[in-house]
All heavy atoms as atom14 arrays in JSON, in Angstrom:
{
  "sequence": "KPDIERAARWVADHLRSAGFQSIEIVPTALHPLVYP",
  "atom14_mask": [
    [1, 1, 1, 1, 1, 1, 1, 1, 1, 0, 0, 0, 0, 0],
    [1, 1, 1, 1, 1, 1, 1, 0, 0, 0, 0, 0, 0, 0],
    [1, 1, 1, 1, 1, 1, 1, 1, 0, 0, 0, 0, 0, 0],
    [1, 1, 1, 1, 1, 1, 1, 1, 0, 0, 0, 0, 0, 0],
    [1, 1, 1, 1, 1, 1, 1, 1, 1, 0, 0, 0, 0, 0],
    [1, 1, 1, 1, 1, 1, 1, 1, 1, 1, 1, 0, 0, 0],
    [1, 1, 1, 1, 1, 0, 0, 0, 0, 0, 0, 0, 0, 0],
    [1, 1, 1, 1, 1, 0, 0, 0, 0, 0, 0, 0, 0, 0],
    [1, 1, 1, 1, 1, 1, 1, 1, 1, 1, 1, 0, 0, 0],
    [1, 1, 1, 1, 1, 1, 1, 1, 1, 1, 1, 1, 1, 1],
    [1, 1, 1, 1, 1, 1, 1, 0, 0, 0, 0, 0, 0, 0],
    [1, 1, 1, 1, 1, 0, 0, 0, 0, 0, 0, 0, 0, 0],
    [1, 1, 1, 1, 1, 1, 1, 1, 0, 0, 0, 0, 0, 0],
    [1, 1, 1, 1, 1, 1, 1, 1, 1, 1, 0, 0, 0, 0],
    [1, 1, 1, 1, 1, 1, 1, 1, 0, 0, 0, 0, 0, 0],
    [1, 1, 1, 1, 1, 1, 1, 1, 1, 1, 1, 0, 0, 0],
    [1, 1, 1, 1, 1, 1, 0, 0, 0, 0, 0, 0, 0, 0],
    [1, 1, 1, 1, 1, 0, 0, 0, 0, 0, 0, 0, 0, 0],
    [1, 1, 1, 1, 0, 0, 0, 0, 0, 0, 0, 0, 0, 0],
    [1, 1, 1, 1, 1, 1, 1, 1, 1, 1, 1, 0, 0, 0],
    [1, 1, 1, 1, 1, 1, 1, 1, 1, 0, 0, 0, 0, 0],
    [1, 1, 1, 1, 1, 1, 0, 0, 0, 0, 0, 0, 0, 0],
    [1, 1, 1, 1, 1, 1, 1, 1, 0, 0, 0, 0, 0, 0],
    [1, 1, 1, 1, 1, 1, 1, 1, 1, 0, 0, 0, 0, 0],
    [1, 1, 1, 1, 1, 1, 1, 1, 0, 0, 0, 0, 0, 0],
    [1, 1, 1, 1, 1, 1, 1, 0, 0, 0, 0, 0, 0, 0],
    [1, 1, 1, 1, 1, 1, 1, 0, 0, 0, 0, 0, 0, 0],
    [1, 1, 1, 1, 1, 1, 1, 0, 0, 0, 0, 0, 0, 0],
    [1, 1, 1, 1, 1, 0, 0, 0, 0, 0, 0, 0, 0, 0],
    [1, 1, 1, 1, 1, 1, 1, 1, 0, 0, 0, 0, 0, 0],
    [1, 1, 1, 1, 1, 1, 1, 1, 1, 1, 0, 0, 0, 0],
    [1, 1, 1, 1, 1, 1, 1, 0, 0, 0, 0, 0, 0, 0],
    [1, 1, 1, 1, 1, 1, 1, 1, 0, 0, 0, 0, 0, 0],
    [1, 1, 1, 1, 1, 1, 1, 0, 0, 0, 0, 0, 0, 0],
    [1, 1, 1, 1, 1, 1, 1, 1, 1, 1, 1, 1, 0, 0],
    [1, 1, 1, 1, 1, 1, 1, 0, 0, 0, 0, 0, 0, 0]
  ],
  "atom14_positions": [
    [[1.01, -3.13, -14.28], [1.54, -2.13, -13.35], [0.44, -1.34, -12.64], [0.49, -1.2, -11.42], [2.51, -1.18, -14.07], [3.17, -0.18, -13.14], [4.23, 0.62, -13.85], [4.82, 1.73, -13.04], [5.12, 1.48, -11.67], [0.0, 0.0, 0.0], [0.0, 0.0, 0.0], [0.0, 0.0, 0.0], [0.0, 0.0, 0.0], [0.0, 0.0, 0.0]],
    [[-0.6, -0.86, -13.34], [-1.68, -0.17, -12.62], [-2.41, -1.09, -11.63], [-2.84, -0.64, -10.56], [-2.63, 0.29, -13.73], [-1.79, 0.31, -14.97], [-0.79, -0.79, -14.79], [0.0, 0.0, 0.0], [0.0, 0.0, 0.0], [0.0, 0.0, 0.0], [0.0, 0.0, 0.0], [0.0, 0.0, 0.0], [0.0, 0.0, 0.0], [0.0, 0.0, 0.0]],
    [[-2.52, -2.36, -11.97], [-3.17, -3.3, -11.06], [-2.32, -3.56, -9.82], [-2.85, -3.71, -8.71], [-3.47, -4.62, -11.77], [-4.45, -4.44, -12.92], [-5.49, -3.79, -12.7], [-4.18, -4.95, -14.02], [0.0, 0.0, 0.0], [0.0, 0.0, 0.0], [0.0, 0.0, 0.0], [0.0, 0.0, 0.0], [0.0, 0.0, 0.0], [0.0, 0.0, 0.0]],
    [[-1.01, -3.59, -9.99], [-0.11, -3.76, -8.85], [-0.24, -2.57, -7.91], [-0.3, -2.72, -6.68], [1.34, -3.95, -9.33], [1.46, -5.27, -10.09], [2.32, -3.89, -8.16], [2.74, -5.42, -10.87], [0.0, 0.0, 0.0], [0.0, 0.0, 0.0], [0.0, 0.0, 0.0], [0.0, 0.0, 0.0], [0.0, 0.0, 0.0], [0.0, 0.0, 0.0]],
    [[-0.33, -1.38, -8.48], [-0.52, -0.18, -7.66], [-1.88, -0.2, -6.97], [-2.0, 0.19, -5.8], [-0.35, 1.06, -8.53], [1.09, 1.21, -9.01], [1.28, 2.23, -10.11], [0.26, 2.8, -10.61], [2.44, 2.47, -10.49], [0.0, 0.0, 0.0], [0.0, 0.0, 0.0], [0.0, 0.0, 0.0], [0.0, 0.0, 0.0], [0.0, 0.0, 0.0]],
    [[-2.9, -0.69, -7.65], [-4.24, -0.82, -7.05], [-4.2, -1.84, -5.91], [-4.81, -1.62, -4.85], [-5.27, -1.24, -8.11], [-6.67, -1.33, -7.58], [-7.71, -1.35, -8.69], [-7.56, -2.47, -9.59], [-8.4, -3.5, -9.68], [-9.45, -3.56, -8.9], [-8.18, -4.46, -10.56], [0.0, 0.0, 0.0], [0.0, 0.0, 0.0], [0.0, 0.0, 0.0]],
    [[-3.47, -2.93, -6.08], [-3.34, -3.93, -5.02], [-2.64, -3.32, -3.79], [-3.03, -3.59, -2.66], [-2.59, -5.15, -5.54], [0.0, 0.0, 0.0], [0.0, 0.0, 0.0], [0.0, 0.0, 0.0], [0.0, 0.0, 0.0], [0.0, 0.0, 0.0], [0.0, 0.0, 0.0], [0.0, 0.0, 0.0], [0.0, 0.0, 0.0], [0.0, 0.0, 0.0]],
    [[-1.64, -2.5, -4.03], [-0.95, -1.84, -2.92], [-1.9, -0.91, -2.17], [-1.91, -0.89, -0.93], [0.26, -1.06, -3.43], [0.0, 0.0, 0.0], [0.0, 0.0, 0.0], [0.0, 0.0, 0.0], [0.0, 0.0, 0.0], [0.0, 0.0, 0.0], [0.0, 0.0, 0.0], [0.0, 0.0, 0.0], [0.0, 0.0, 0.0], [0.0, 0.0, 0.0]],
    [[-2.73, -0.17, -2.9], [-3.72, 0.71, -2.25], [-4.72, -0.12, -1.46], [-5.13, 0.26, -0.36], [-4.42, 1.59, -3.29], [-3.54, 2.71, -3.83], [-4.33, 3.72, -4.66], [-5.08, 3.11, -5.74], [-4.59, 2.85, -6.97], [-3.34, 3.16, -7.24], [-5.35, 2.31, -7.89], [0.0, 0.0, 0.0], [0.0, 0.0, 0.0], [0.0, 0.0, 0.0]],
    [[-5.14, -1.26, -2.02], [-6.1, -2.15, -1.33], [-5.51, -2.61, 0.0], [-6.18, -2.56, 1.04], [-6.43, -3.35, -2.22], [-7.54, -4.21, -1.71], [-8.85, -4.16, -2.09], [-7.44, -5.26, -0.73], [-9.56, -5.12, -1.41], [-8.73, -5.8, -0.56], [-6.4, -5.8, 0.0], [-9.0, -6.85, 0.31], [-6.66, -6.82, 0.89], [-7.95, -7.33, 1.03]],
    [[-4.25, -3.05, -0.03], [-3.59, -3.52, 1.2], [-3.5, -2.36, 2.2], [-3.82, -2.53, 3.39], [-2.21, -4.11, 0.89], [-1.42, -4.35, 2.17], [-2.35, -5.4, 0.1], [0.0, 0.0, 0.0], [0.0, 0.0, 0.0], [0.0, 0.0, 0.0], [0.0, 0.0, 0.0], [0.0, 0.0, 0.0], [0.0, 0.0, 0.0], [0.0, 0.0, 0.0]],
    [[-3.08, -1.2, 1.75], [-2.96, -0.04, 2.64], [-4.3, 0.32, 3.26], [-4.39, 0.56, 4.47], [-2.38, 1.15, 1.87], [0.0, 0.0, 0.0], [0.0, 0.0, 0.0], [0.0, 0.0, 0.0], [0.0, 0.0, 0.0], [0.0, 0.0, 0.0], [0.0, 0.0, 0.0], [0.0, 0.0, 0.0], [0.0, 0.0, 0.0], [0.0, 0.0, 0.0]],
    [[-5.35, 0.35, 2.46], [-6.68, 0.67, 2.98], [-7.14, -0.34, 4.02], [-7.72, 0.03, 5.05], [-7.71, 0.72, 1.85], [-7.51, 1.9, 0.92], [-6.79, 2.85, 1.29], [-8.07, 1.88, -0.2], [0.0, 0.0, 0.0], [0.0, 0.0, 0.0], [0.0, 0.0, 0.0], [0.0, 0.0, 0.0], [0.0, 0.0, 0.0], [0.0, 0.0, 0.0]],
    [[-6.87, -1.6, 3.79], [-7.3, -2.63, 4.75], [-6.45, -2.62, 6.02], [-6.95, -2.91, 7.1], [-7.33, -4.0, 4.08], [-8.57, -4.18, 3.26], [-8.75, -3.58, 2.03], [-9.71, -4.86, 3.52], [-9.93, -3.89, 1.57], [-10.54, -4.67, 2.44], [0.0, 0.0, 0.0], [0.0, 0.0, 0.0], [0.0, 0.0, 0.0], [0.0, 0.0, 0.0]],
    [[-5.18, -2.25, 5.9], [-4.37, -2.08, 7.1], [-4.9, -0.92, 7.94], [-4.98, -1.01, 9.17], [-2.91, -1.86, 6.75], [-2.14, -3.1, 6.3], [-0.76, -2.71, 5.75], [-2.0, -4.1, 7.44], [0.0, 0.0, 0.0], [0.0, 0.0, 0.0], [0.0, 0.0, 0.0], [0.0, 0.0, 0.0], [0.0, 0.0, 0.0], [0.0, 0.0, 0.0]],
    [[-5.29, 0.17, 7.28], [-5.87, 1.31, 8.0], [-7.15, 0.89, 8.71], [-7.36, 1.25, 9.87], [-6.16, 2.47, 7.04], [-4.94, 3.24, 6.65], [-5.28, 4.48, 5.81], [-4.09, 4.96, 5.16], [-3.75, 4.68, 3.9], [-4.53, 3.96, 3.13], [-2.64, 5.15, 3.39], [0.0, 0.0, 0.0], [0.0, 0.0, 0.0], [0.0, 0.0, 0.0]],
    [[-8.0, 0.15, 8.02], [-9.26, -0.27, 8.64], [-9.03, -1.27, 9.77], [-9.89, -1.43, 10.64], [-10.23, -0.83, 7.6], [-9.79, -2.08, 7.13], [0.0, 0.0, 0.0], [0.0, 0.0, 0.0], [0.0, 0.0, 0.0], [0.0, 0.0, 0.0], [0.0, 0.0, 0.0], [0.0, 0.0, 0.0], [0.0, 0.0, 0.0], [0.0, 0.0, 0.0]],
    [[-7.86, -1.91, 9.8], [-7.52, -2.84, 10.88], [-6.9, -2.1, 12.07], [-6.59, -2.72, 13.08], [-6.56, -3.91, 10.37], [0.0, 0.0, 0.0], [0.0, 0.0, 0.0], [0.0, 0.0, 0.0], [0.0, 0.0, 0.0], [0.0, 0.0, 0.0], [0.0, 0.0, 0.0], [0.0, 0.0, 0.0], [0.0, 0.0, 0.0], [0.0, 0.0, 0.0]],
    [[-6.7, -0.8, 11.93], [-6.22, -0.02, 13.06], [-4.84, 0.59, 12.91], [-4.39, 1.32, 13.79], [0.0, 0.0, 0.0], [0.0, 0.0, 0.0], [0.0, 0.0, 0.0], [0.0, 0.0, 0.0], [0.0, 0.0, 0.0], [0.0, 0.0, 0.0], [0.0, 0.0, 0.0], [0.0, 0.0, 0.0], [0.0, 0.0, 0.0], [0.0, 0.0, 0.0]],
    [[-4.14, 0.28, 11.82], [-2.86, 0.95, 11.6], [-3.15, 2.4, 11.27], [-3.98, 2.7, 10.42], [-2.08, 0.29, 10.46], [-1.46, -1.03, 10.83], [-2.2, -2.2, 10.78], [-0.15, -1.09, 11.25], [-1.64, -3.4, 11.13], [0.44, -2.3, 11.6], [-0.32, -3.46, 11.55], [0.0, 0.0, 0.0], [0.0, 0.0, 0.0], [0.0, 0.0, 0.0]],
    [[-2.47, 3.3, 11.95], [-2.8, 4.72, 11.79], [-1.98, 5.44, 10.74], [-2.38, 6.48, 10.25], [-2.67, 5.42, 13.14], [-3.68, 4.89, 14.12], [-3.63, 5.6, 15.44], [-2.81, 6.47, 15.67], [-4.52, 5.23, 16.32], [0.0, 0.0, 0.0], [0.0, 0.0, 0.0], [0.0, 0.0, 0.0], [0.0, 0.0, 0.0], [0.0, 0.0, 0.0]],
    [[-0.86, 4.89, 10.38], [-0.02, 5.56, 9.4], [0.55, 4.52, 8.43], [1.33, 3.67, 8.83], [1.11, 6.33, 10.09], [1.88, 7.02, 9.14], [0.0, 0.0, 0.0], [0.0, 0.0, 0.0], [0.0, 0.0, 0.0], [0.0, 0.0, 0.0], [0.0, 0.0, 0.0], [0.0, 0.0, 0.0], [0.0, 0.0, 0.0], [0.0, 0.0, 0.0]],
    [[0.11, 4.6, 7.2], [0.55, 3.69, 6.16], [1.16, 4.53, 5.05], [0.59, 5.53, 4.64], [-0.64, 2.89, 5.57], [-1.42, 2.17, 6.67], [-0.18, 1.94, 4.48], [-0.7, 1.06, 7.33], [0.0, 0.0, 0.0], [0.0, 0.0, 0.0], [0.0, 0.0, 0.0], [0.0, 0.0, 0.0], [0.0, 0.0, 0.0], [0.0, 0.0, 0.0]],
    [[2.29, 4.09, 4.56], [2.89, 4.78, 3.41], [3.07, 3.77, 2.28], [3.49, 2.64, 2.5], [4.25, 5.36, 3.79], [4.88, 6.15, 2.68], [6.2, 6.8, 3.09], [6.5, 6.85, 4.3], [6.92, 7.25, 2.19], [0.0, 0.0, 0.0], [0.0, 0.0, 0.0], [0.0, 0.0, 0.0], [0.0, 0.0, 0.0], [0.0, 0.0, 0.0]],
    [[2.7, 4.19, 1.08], [2.98, 3.39, -0.12], [4.23, 4.0, -0.74], [4.22, 5.15, -1.18], [1.8, 3.39, -1.1], [0.57, 2.77, -0.43], [2.17, 2.64, -2.37], [-0.69, 2.81, -1.27], [0.0, 0.0, 0.0], [0.0, 0.0, 0.0], [0.0, 0.0, 0.0], [0.0, 0.0, 0.0], [0.0, 0.0, 0.0], [0.0, 0.0, 0.0]],
    [[5.31, 3.24, -0.71], [6.61, 3.72, -1.15], [6.86, 3.24, -2.58], [6.9, 2.04, -2.83], [7.73, 3.2, -0.22], [9.09, 3.71, -0.67], [7.44, 3.55, 1.22], [0.0, 0.0, 0.0], [0.0, 0.0, 0.0], [0.0, 0.0, 0.0], [0.0, 0.0, 0.0], [0.0, 0.0, 0.0], [0.0, 0.0, 0.0], [0.0, 0.0, 0.0]],
    [[7.0, 4.17, -3.53], [7.33, 3.75, -4.88], [8.77, 3.22, -4.92], [9.64, 3.71, -4.23], [7.18, 5.01, -5.72], [7.02, 6.14, -4.78], [6.85, 5.6, -3.4], [0.0, 0.0, 0.0], [0.0, 0.0, 0.0], [0.0, 0.0, 0.0], [0.0, 0.0, 0.0], [0.0, 0.0, 0.0], [0.0, 0.0, 0.0], [0.0, 0.0, 0.0]],
    [[8.99, 2.21, -5.72], [10.34, 1.67, -5.92], [10.57, 1.53, -7.42], [9.67, 1.79, -8.22], [10.51, 0.28, -5.25], [9.75, -0.68, -5.98], [10.09, 0.3, -3.8], [0.0, 0.0, 0.0], [0.0, 0.0, 0.0], [0.0, 0.0, 0.0], [0.0, 0.0, 0.0], [0.0, 0.0, 0.0], [0.0, 0.0, 0.0], [0.0, 0.0, 0.0]],
    [[11.74, 1.08, -7.78], [12.04, 0.9, -9.21], [11.16, -0.17, -9.84], [10.9, -0.12, -11.04], [13.5, 0.53, -9.39], [0.0, 0.0, 0.0], [0.0, 0.0, 0.0], [0.0, 0.0, 0.0], [0.0, 0.0, 0.0], [0.0, 0.0, 0.0], [0.0, 0.0, 0.0], [0.0, 0.0, 0.0], [0.0, 0.0, 0.0], [0.0, 0.0, 0.0]],
    [[10.69, -1.11, -9.05], [9.86, -2.17, -9.6], [8.4, -2.06, -9.15], [7.53, -1.74, -9.95], [10.42, -3.54, -9.2], [11.77, -3.9, -9.8], [12.28, -5.21, -9.22], [11.67, -3.99, -11.31], [0.0, 0.0, 0.0], [0.0, 0.0, 0.0], [0.0, 0.0, 0.0], [0.0, 0.0, 0.0], [0.0, 0.0, 0.0], [0.0, 0.0, 0.0]],
    [[8.15, -2.33, -7.89], [6.78, -2.38, -7.39], [6.66, -1.56, -6.11], [7.62, -1.44, -5.36], [6.37, -3.83, -7.11], [6.64, -4.74, -8.25], [6.07, -4.58, -9.5], [7.45, -5.82, -8.36], [6.5, -5.52, -10.3], [7.35, -6.28, -9.65], [0.0, 0.0, 0.0], [0.0, 0.0, 0.0], [0.0, 0.0, 0.0], [0.0, 0.0, 0.0]],
    [[5.46, -1.05, -5.84], [5.3, -0.27, -4.62], [5.43, -1.14, -3.37], [5.11, -2.32, -3.38], [3.88, 0.3, -4.75], [3.2, -0.56, -5.73], [4.24, -1.15, -6.62], [0.0, 0.0, 0.0], [0.0, 0.0, 0.0], [0.0, 0.0, 0.0], [0.0, 0.0, 0.0], [0.0, 0.0, 0.0], [0.0, 0.0, 0.0], [0.0, 0.0, 0.0]],
    [[5.89, -0.52, -2.32], [6.05, -1.17, -1.03], [5.03, -0.55, -0.08], [4.95, 0.67, 0.04], [7.47, -0.93, -0.52], [7.76, -1.31, 0.92], [7.76, -2.83, 1.05], [9.1, -0.74, 1.34], [0.0, 0.0, 0.0], [0.0, 0.0, 0.0], [0.0, 0.0, 0.0], [0.0, 0.0, 0.0], [0.0, 0.0, 0.0], [0.0, 0.0, 0.0]],
    [[4.23, -1.38, 0.57], [3.28, -0.89, 1.56], [3.94, -0.98, 2.92], [4.32, -2.07, 3.36], [1.97, -1.71, 1.53], [1.0, -1.19, 2.59], [1.33, -1.67, 0.15], [0.0, 0.0, 0.0], [0.0, 0.0, 0.0], [0.0, 0.0, 0.0], [0.0, 0.0, 0.0], [0.0, 0.0, 0.0], [0.0, 0.0, 0.0], [0.0, 0.0, 0.0]],
    [[4.12, 0.17, 3.56], [4.87, 0.23, 4.8], [3.99, 0.79, 5.91], [3.63, 1.96, 5.88], [6.11, 1.1, 4.62], [7.04, 1.09, 5.8], [7.96, 0.06, 5.96], [6.98, 2.08, 6.76], [8.81, 0.03, 7.04], [7.83, 2.07, 7.85], [8.72, 1.04, 7.99], [9.57, 1.01, 9.06], [0.0, 0.0, 0.0], [0.0, 0.0, 0.0]],
    [[3.63, -0.03, 6.91], [2.87, 0.48, 8.05], [3.81, 1.01, 9.13], [4.78, 0.35, 9.49], [2.11, -0.76, 8.55], [2.97, -1.91, 8.14], [3.72, -1.47, 6.9], [0.0, 0.0, 0.0], [0.0, 0.0, 0.0], [0.0, 0.0, 0.0], [0.0, 0.0, 0.0], [0.0, 0.0, 0.0], [0.0, 0.0, 0.0], [0.0, 0.0, 0.0]]
  ]
}
């Protein structure tokens, strides 16, 4: 579970560096959702 959350942060950070200006990591009952 902590690694899944770390993977979500990794994806969010890389989307930001690609130019997405607003990224939200949405917690869910199972796994976080990365929403640009």
